[in-house]
Amino acid sequence: SATPTTVATTGPGGPSGGGTSTNPTTAKGGIVLNTVSL
């Protein structure tokens, strides 16, 4: 099976909280949404 790309995030699940996010689709969607809002 394909190994998902690990994307670091901030917050409780990010580097400061000792965790990482393993959902590339969600990470990309959050980046696009933040850019449009800005």
PDB file of all heavy atoms in Angstrom:
ATOM      1  N   SER A   1       0.834  -1.197   0.000  1.00  0.00           N
ATOM      2  CA  SER A   1       0.000   0.000   0.000  1.00  0.00           C
ATOM      3  C   SER A   1       0.867   1.244   0.000  1.00  0.00           C
ATOM      4  O   SER A   1       1.993   1.262   0.513  1.00  0.00           O
ATOM      5  CB  SER A   1      -0.909   0.004   1.234  1.00  0.00           C
ATOM      6  OG  SER A   1      -0.122  -0.072   2.413  1.00  0.00           O
ATOM      7  N   ALA A   2       0.326   2.357  -0.577  1.00  0.00           N
ATOM      8  CA  ALA A   2       1.064   3.616  -0.660  1.00  0.00           C
ATOM      9  C   ALA A   2       1.204   4.242   0.718  1.00  0.00           C
ATOM     10  O   ALA A   2       0.260   4.254   1.513  1.00  0.00           O
ATOM     11  CB  ALA A   2       0.361   4.583  -1.602  1.00  0.00           C
ATOM     12  N   THR A   3       2.386   4.772   1.024  1.00  0.00           N
ATOM     13  CA  THR A   3       2.640   5.411   2.316  1.00  0.00           C
ATOM     14  C   THR A   3       2.265   6.886   2.233  1.00  0.00           C
ATOM     15  O   THR A   3       2.767   7.607   1.365  1.00  0.00           O
ATOM     16  CB  THR A   3       4.121   5.289   2.699  1.00  0.00           C
ATOM     17  OG1 THR A   3       4.479   3.908   2.710  1.00  0.00           O
ATOM     18  CG2 THR A   3       4.387   5.906   4.063  1.00  0.00           C
ATOM     19  N   PRO A   4       1.355   7.387   3.087  1.00  0.00           N
ATOM     20  CA  PRO A   4       0.948   8.800   3.012  1.00  0.00           C
ATOM     21  C   PRO A   4       2.098   9.725   3.397  1.00  0.00           C
ATOM     22  O   PRO A   4       2.959   9.395   4.204  1.00  0.00           O
ATOM     23  CB  PRO A   4      -0.198   8.893   4.032  1.00  0.00           C
ATOM     24  CG  PRO A   4       0.045   7.755   4.976  1.00  0.00           C
ATOM     25  CD  PRO A   4       0.664   6.665   4.148  1.00  0.00           C
ATOM     26  N   THR A   5       2.104  10.926   2.785  1.00  0.00           N
ATOM     27  CA  THR A   5       3.134  11.926   3.067  1.00  0.00           C
ATOM     28  C   THR A   5       2.877  12.569   4.419  1.00  0.00           C
ATOM     29  O   THR A   5       1.756  12.972   4.723  1.00  0.00           O
ATOM     30  CB  THR A   5       3.139  13.007   1.980  1.00  0.00           C
ATOM     31  OG1 THR A   5       3.319  12.373   0.716  1.00  0.00           O
ATOM     32  CG2 THR A   5       4.260  14.007   2.221  1.00  0.00           C
ATOM     33  N   THR A   6       3.911  12.668   5.229  1.00  0.00           N
ATOM     34  CA  THR A   6       3.786  13.258   6.564  1.00  0.00           C
ATOM     35  C   THR A   6       3.948  14.773   6.475  1.00  0.00           C
ATOM     36  O   THR A   6       4.939  15.271   5.941  1.00  0.00           O
ATOM     37  CB  THR A   6       4.850  12.684   7.508  1.00  0.00           C
ATOM     38  OG1 THR A   6       4.681  11.273   7.575  1.00  0.00           O
ATOM     39  CG2 THR A   6       4.722  13.278   8.909  1.00  0.00           C
ATOM     40  N   VAL A   7       2.956  15.517   6.965  1.00  0.00           N
ATOM     41  CA  VAL A   7       2.975  16.972   6.935  1.00  0.00           C
ATOM     42  C   VAL A   7       2.947  17.479   8.361  1.00  0.00           C
ATOM     43  O   VAL A   7       2.038  17.135   9.130  1.00  0.00           O
ATOM     44  CB  VAL A   7       1.781  17.539   6.151  1.00  0.00           C
ATOM     45  CG1 VAL A   7       1.814  19.070   6.156  1.00  0.00           C
ATOM     46  CG2 VAL A   7       1.791  17.002   4.729  1.00  0.00           C
ATOM     47  N   ALA A   8       3.931  18.301   8.737  1.00  0.00           N
ATOM     48  CA  ALA A   8       4.004  18.837  10.098  1.00  0.00           C
ATOM     49  C   ALA A   8       3.005  19.964  10.251  1.00  0.00           C
ATOM     50  O   ALA A   8       2.853  20.801   9.371  1.00  0.00           O
ATOM     51  CB  ALA A   8       5.422  19.328  10.395  1.00  0.00           C
ATOM     52  N   THR A   9       2.331  20.006  11.382  1.00  0.00           N
ATOM     53  CA  THR A   9       1.367  21.072  11.684  1.00  0.00           C
ATOM     54  C   THR A   9       1.666  21.593  13.079  1.00  0.00           C
ATOM     55  O   THR A   9       2.277  20.919  13.911  1.00  0.00           O
ATOM     56  CB  THR A   9      -0.079  20.557  11.625  1.00  0.00           C
ATOM     57  OG1 THR A   9      -0.222  19.482  12.562  1.00  0.00           O
ATOM     58  CG2 THR A   9      -0.417  20.037  10.236  1.00  0.00           C
ATOM     59  N   THR A  10       1.203  22.817  13.336  1.00  0.00           N
ATOM     60  CA  THR A  10       1.383  23.415  14.660  1.00  0.00           C
ATOM     61  C   THR A  10       0.177  23.112  15.504  1.00  0.00           C
ATOM     62  O   THR A  10      -0.862  22.673  15.012  1.00  0.00           O
ATOM     63  CB  THR A  10       1.572  24.924  14.517  1.00  0.00           C
ATOM     64  OG1 THR A  10       0.436  25.468  13.853  1.00  0.00           O
ATOM     65  CG2 THR A  10       2.832  25.242  13.722  1.00  0.00           C
ATOM     66  N   GLY A  11       0.290  23.361  16.781  1.00  0.00           N
ATOM     67  CA  GLY A  11      -0.808  23.114  17.684  1.00  0.00           C
ATOM     68  C   GLY A  11      -0.559  21.839  18.471  1.00  0.00           C
ATOM     69  O   GLY A  11       0.534  21.280  18.511  1.00  0.00           O
ATOM     70  N   PRO A  12      -1.600  21.321  19.128  1.00  0.00           N
ATOM     71  CA  PRO A  12      -1.441  20.136  19.977  1.00  0.00           C
ATOM     72  C   PRO A  12      -0.920  18.930  19.214  1.00  0.00           C
ATOM     73  O   PRO A  12      -0.240  18.088  19.773  1.00  0.00           O
ATOM     74  CB  PRO A  12      -2.853  19.894  20.524  1.00  0.00           C
ATOM     75  CG  PRO A  12      -3.538  21.217  20.415  1.00  0.00           C
ATOM     76  CD  PRO A  12      -2.956  21.881  19.205  1.00  0.00           C
ATOM     77  N   GLY A  13      -1.264  18.834  17.932  1.00  0.00           N
ATOM     78  CA  GLY A  13      -0.815  17.684  17.157  1.00  0.00           C
ATOM     79  C   GLY A  13       0.435  17.941  16.376  1.00  0.00           C
ATOM     80  O   GLY A  13       0.917  17.068  15.670  1.00  0.00           O
ATOM     81  N   GLY A  14       0.992  19.165  16.395  1.00  0.00           N
ATOM     82  CA  GLY A  14       2.151  19.529  15.600  1.00  0.00           C
ATOM     83  C   GLY A  14       3.434  19.351  16.362  1.00  0.00           C
ATOM     84  O   GLY A  14       3.508  18.664  17.374  1.00  0.00           O
ATOM     85  N   PRO A  15       4.497  20.039  15.875  1.00  0.00           N
ATOM     86  CA  PRO A  15       5.806  19.894  16.505  1.00  0.00           C
ATOM     87  C   PRO A  15       5.804  20.314  17.959  1.00  0.00           C
ATOM     88  O   PRO A  15       6.446  19.694  18.787  1.00  0.00           O
ATOM     89  CB  PRO A  15       6.711  20.783  15.657  1.00  0.00           C
ATOM     90  CG  PRO A  15       6.013  20.878  14.331  1.00  0.00           C
ATOM     91  CD  PRO A  15       4.571  20.839  14.636  1.00  0.00           C
ATOM     92  N   SER A  16       5.078  21.409  18.287  1.00  0.00           N
ATOM     93  CA  SER A  16       5.070  21.868  19.674  1.00  0.00           C
ATOM     94  C   SER A  16       4.349  20.891  20.570  1.00  0.00           C
ATOM     95  O   SER A  16       4.613  20.823  21.763  1.00  0.00           O
ATOM     96  CB  SER A  16       4.424  23.259  19.763  1.00  0.00           C
ATOM     97  OG  SER A  16       3.090  23.191  19.276  1.00  0.00           O
ATOM     98  N   GLY A  17       3.415  20.105  20.008  1.00  0.00           N
ATOM     99  CA  GLY A  17       2.665  19.153  20.823  1.00  0.00           C
ATOM    100  C   GLY A  17       3.166  17.743  20.690  1.00  0.00           C
ATOM    101  O   GLY A  17       2.585  16.826  21.261  1.00  0.00           O
ATOM    102  N   GLY A  18       4.243  17.531  19.923  1.00  0.00           N
ATOM    103  CA  GLY A  18       4.822  16.200  19.806  1.00  0.00           C
ATOM    104  C   GLY A  18       4.109  15.307  18.832  1.00  0.00           C
ATOM    105  O   GLY A  18       4.258  14.096  18.894  1.00  0.00           O
ATOM    106  N   GLY A  19       3.315  15.855  17.887  1.00  0.00           N
ATOM    107  CA  GLY A  19       2.583  15.011  16.949  1.00  0.00           C
ATOM    108  C   GLY A  19       2.710  15.520  15.539  1.00  0.00           C
ATOM    109  O   GLY A  19       3.159  16.632  15.300  1.00  0.00           O
ATOM    110  N   THR A  20       2.326  14.690  14.583  1.00  0.00           N
ATOM    111  CA  THR A  20       2.353  15.064  13.167  1.00  0.00           C
ATOM    112  C   THR A  20       1.056  14.647  12.535  1.00  0.00           C
ATOM    113  O   THR A  20       0.353  13.758  13.010  1.00  0.00           O
ATOM    114  CB  THR A  20       3.517  14.384  12.435  1.00  0.00           C
ATOM    115  OG1 THR A  20       3.399  12.979  12.608  1.00  0.00           O
ATOM    116  CG2 THR A  20       4.866  14.851  12.969  1.00  0.00           C
ATOM    117  N   SER A  21       0.724  15.304  11.417  1.00  0.00           N
ATOM    118  CA  SER A  21      -0.462  14.959  10.644  1.00  0.00           C
ATOM    119  C   SER A  21      -0.050  14.128   9.449  1.00  0.00           C
ATOM    120  O   SER A  21       0.938  14.435   8.792  1.00  0.00           O
ATOM    121  CB  SER A  21      -1.167  16.243  10.183  1.00  0.00           C
ATOM    122  OG  SER A  21      -2.229  15.912   9.309  1.00  0.00           O
ATOM    123  N   THR A  22      -0.784  13.051   9.151  1.00  0.00           N
ATOM    124  CA  THR A  22      -0.435  12.147   8.046  1.00  0.00           C
ATOM    125  C   THR A  22      -1.490  12.155   6.956  1.00  0.00           C
ATOM    126  O   THR A  22      -1.627  11.195   6.223  1.00  0.00           O
ATOM    127  CB  THR A  22      -0.276  10.713   8.580  1.00  0.00           C
ATOM    128  OG1 THR A  22      -1.500  10.310   9.206  1.00  0.00           O
ATOM    129  CG2 THR A  22       0.872  10.612   9.576  1.00  0.00           C
ATOM    130  N   ASN A  23      -2.288  13.278   6.844  1.00  0.00           N
ATOM    131  CA  ASN A  23      -3.308  13.370   5.819  1.00  0.00           C
ATOM    132  C   ASN A  23      -2.920  14.491   4.875  1.00  0.00           C
ATOM    133  O   ASN A  23      -3.168  15.670   5.157  1.00  0.00           O
ATOM    134  CB  ASN A  23      -4.679  13.644   6.440  1.00  0.00           C
ATOM    135  CG  ASN A  23      -5.803  13.454   5.427  1.00  0.00           C
ATOM    136  OD1 ASN A  23      -5.580  13.559   4.226  1.00  0.00           O
ATOM    137  ND2 ASN A  23      -7.004  13.183   5.927  1.00  0.00           N
ATOM    138  N   PRO A  24      -2.303  14.158   3.714  1.00  0.00           N
ATOM    139  CA  PRO A  24      -1.862  15.234   2.810  1.00  0.00           C
ATOM    140  C   PRO A  24      -3.015  16.021   2.224  1.00  0.00           C
ATOM    141  O   PRO A  24      -2.904  17.204   1.963  1.00  0.00           O
ATOM    142  CB  PRO A  24      -1.091  14.464   1.722  1.00  0.00           C
ATOM    143  CG  PRO A  24      -1.637  13.078   1.768  1.00  0.00           C
ATOM    144  CD  PRO A  24      -1.998  12.834   3.205  1.00  0.00           C
ATOM    145  N   THR A  25      -4.168  15.400   1.988  1.00  0.00           N
ATOM    146  CA  THR A  25      -5.314  16.098   1.391  1.00  0.00           C
ATOM    147  C   THR A  25      -5.822  17.184   2.325  1.00  0.00           C
ATOM    148  O   THR A  25      -6.101  18.317   1.923  1.00  0.00           O
ATOM    149  CB  THR A  25      -6.424  15.099   1.079  1.00  0.00           C
ATOM    150  OG1 THR A  25      -5.912  14.082   0.221  1.00  0.00           O
ATOM    151  CG2 THR A  25      -7.597  15.789   0.407  1.00  0.00           C
ATOM    152  N   THR A  26      -5.934  16.832   3.614  1.00  0.00           N
ATOM    153  CA  THR A  26      -6.411  17.819   4.586  1.00  0.00           C
ATOM    154  C   THR A  26      -5.444  18.978   4.719  1.00  0.00           C
ATOM    155  O   THR A  26      -5.819  20.139   4.810  1.00  0.00           O
ATOM    156  CB  THR A  26      -6.608  17.140   5.950  1.00  0.00           C
ATOM    157  OG1 THR A  26      -7.497  16.039   5.791  1.00  0.00           O
ATOM    158  CG2 THR A  26      -7.154  18.114   6.972  1.00  0.00           C
ATOM    159  N   ALA A  27      -4.132  18.670   4.696  1.00  0.00           N
ATOM    160  CA  ALA A  27      -3.130  19.733   4.827  1.00  0.00           C
ATOM    161  C   ALA A  27      -3.190  20.690   3.643  1.00  0.00           C
ATOM    162  O   ALA A  27      -3.149  21.909   3.812  1.00  0.00           O
ATOM    163  CB  ALA A  27      -1.733  19.109   4.950  1.00  0.00           C
ATOM    164  N   LYS A  28      -3.274  20.125   2.431  1.00  0.00           N
ATOM    165  CA  LYS A  28      -3.349  20.983   1.249  1.00  0.00           C
ATOM    166  C   LYS A  28      -4.622  21.815   1.255  1.00  0.00           C
ATOM    167  O   LYS A  28      -4.626  22.996   0.889  1.00  0.00           O
ATOM    168  CB  LYS A  28      -3.287  20.126  -0.013  1.00  0.00           C
ATOM    169  CG  LYS A  28      -1.920  19.464  -0.229  1.00  0.00           C
ATOM    170  CD  LYS A  28      -1.915  18.636  -1.495  1.00  0.00           C
ATOM    171  CE  LYS A  28      -0.560  17.984  -1.722  1.00  0.00           C
ATOM    172  NZ  LYS A  28      -0.534  17.155  -2.949  1.00  0.00           N
ATOM    173  N   GLY A  29      -5.746  21.225   1.663  1.00  0.00           N
ATOM    174  CA  GLY A  29      -7.004  21.975   1.707  1.00  0.00           C
ATOM    175  C   GLY A  29      -6.937  23.127   2.689  1.00  0.00           C
ATOM    176  O   GLY A  29      -7.450  24.225   2.436  1.00  0.00           O
ATOM    177  N   GLY A  30      -6.256  22.904   3.852  1.00  0.00           N
ATOM    178  CA  GLY A  30      -6.136  23.981   4.832  1.00  0.00           C
ATOM    179  C   GLY A  30      -5.287  25.130   4.319  1.00  0.00           C
ATOM    180  O   GLY A  30      -5.594  26.302   4.555  1.00  0.00           O
ATOM    181  N   ILE A  31      -4.202  24.789   3.590  1.00  0.00           N
ATOM    182  CA  ILE A  31      -3.341  25.842   3.041  1.00  0.00           C
ATOM    183  C   ILE A  31      -4.099  26.686   2.017  1.00  0.00           C
ATOM    184  O   ILE A  31      -4.033  27.912   2.009  1.00  0.00           O
ATOM    185  CB  ILE A  31      -2.089  25.211   2.416  1.00  0.00           C
ATOM    186  CG1 ILE A  31      -1.224  24.561   3.506  1.00  0.00           C
ATOM    187  CG2 ILE A  31      -1.273  26.254   1.667  1.00  0.00           C
ATOM    188  CD1 ILE A  31      -0.048  23.772   2.960  1.00  0.00           C
ATOM    189  N   VAL A  32      -4.851  26.011   1.112  1.00  0.00           N
ATOM    190  CA  VAL A  32      -5.620  26.744   0.100  1.00  0.00           C
ATOM    191  C   VAL A  32      -6.668  27.634   0.749  1.00  0.00           C
ATOM    192  O   VAL A  32      -6.871  28.801   0.364  1.00  0.00           O
ATOM    193  CB  VAL A  32      -6.264  25.751  -0.884  1.00  0.00           C
ATOM    194  CG1 VAL A  32      -7.214  26.483  -1.835  1.00  0.00           C
ATOM    195  CG2 VAL A  32      -5.188  25.006  -1.666  1.00  0.00           C
ATOM    196  N   LEU A  33      -7.358  27.115   1.763  1.00  0.00           N
ATOM    197  CA  LEU A  33      -8.396  27.900   2.432  1.00  0.00           C
ATOM    198  C   LEU A  33      -7.806  29.124   3.123  1.00  0.00           C
ATOM    199  O   LEU A  33      -8.369  30.233   3.046  1.00  0.00           O
ATOM    200  CB  LEU A  33      -9.124  27.011   3.444  1.00  0.00           C
ATOM    201  CG  LEU A  33     -10.272  27.680   4.213  1.00  0.00           C
ATOM    202  CD1 LEU A  33     -11.367  28.133   3.240  1.00  0.00           C
ATOM    203  CD2 LEU A  33     -10.851  26.714   5.254  1.00  0.00           C
ATOM    204  N   ASN A  34      -6.671  28.965   3.766  1.00  0.00           N
ATOM    205  CA  ASN A  34      -6.033  30.116   4.421  1.00  0.00           C
ATOM    206  C   ASN A  34      -5.598  31.167   3.408  1.00  0.00           C
ATOM    207  O   ASN A  34      -5.706  32.377   3.648  1.00  0.00           O
ATOM    208  CB  ASN A  34      -4.819  29.637   5.230  1.00  0.00           C
ATOM    209  CG  ASN A  34      -5.232  28.778   6.422  1.00  0.00           C
ATOM    210  OD1 ASN A  34      -6.358  28.904   6.907  1.00  0.00           O
ATOM    211  ND2 ASN A  34      -4.328  27.928   6.896  1.00  0.00           N
ATOM    212  N   THR A  35      -5.093  30.741   2.258  1.00  0.00           N
ATOM    213  CA  THR A  35      -4.657  31.697   1.232  1.00  0.00           C
ATOM    214  C   THR A  35      -5.832  32.495   0.695  1.00  0.00           C
ATOM    215  O   THR A  35      -5.756  33.729   0.524  1.00  0.00           O
ATOM    216  CB  THR A  35      -3.971  30.945   0.088  1.00  0.00           C
ATOM    217  OG1 THR A  35      -2.861  30.187   0.614  1.00  0.00           O
ATOM    218  CG2 THR A  35      -3.454  31.915  -0.966  1.00  0.00           C
ATOM    219  N   VAL A  36      -6.952  31.807   0.400  1.00  0.00           N
ATOM    220  CA  VAL A  36      -8.142  32.503  -0.110  1.00  0.00           C
ATOM    221  C   VAL A  36      -8.672  33.493   0.918  1.00  0.00           C
ATOM    222  O   VAL A  36      -9.078  34.639   0.595  1.00  0.00           O
ATOM    223  CB  VAL A  36      -9.217  31.481  -0.503  1.00  0.00           C
ATOM    224  CG1 VAL A  36     -10.533  32.184  -0.871  1.00  0.00           C
ATOM    225  CG2 VAL A  36      -8.724  30.622  -1.662  1.00  0.00           C
ATOM    226  N   SER A  37      -8.674  33.088   2.181  1.00  0.00           N
ATOM    227  CA  SER A  37      -9.168  33.995   3.232  1.00  0.00           C
ATOM    228  C   SER A  37      -8.292  35.233   3.341  1.00  0.00           C
ATOM    229  O   SER A  37      -8.784  36.357   3.522  1.00  0.00           O
ATOM    230  CB  SER A  37      -9.197  33.245   4.578  1.00  0.00           C
ATOM    231  OG  SER A  37     -10.055  32.125   4.516  1.00  0.00           O
ATOM    232  N   LEU A  38      -6.966  35.036   3.215  1.00  0.00           N
ATOM    233  CA  LEU A  38      -6.060  36.187   3.296  1.00  0.00           C
ATOM    234  C   LEU A  38      -6.292  37.151   2.137  1.00  0.00           C
ATOM    235  O   LEU A  38      -6.280  38.394   2.326  1.00  0.00           O
ATOM    236  CB  LEU A  38      -4.611  35.694   3.289  1.00  0.00           C
ATOM    237  CG  LEU A  38      -3.528  36.781   3.384  1.00  0.00           C
ATOM    238  CD1 LEU A  38      -3.674  37.564   4.696  1.00  0.00           C
ATOM    239  CD2 LEU A  38      -2.145  36.166   3.268  1.00  0.00           C
TER     240      LEU A  38
END
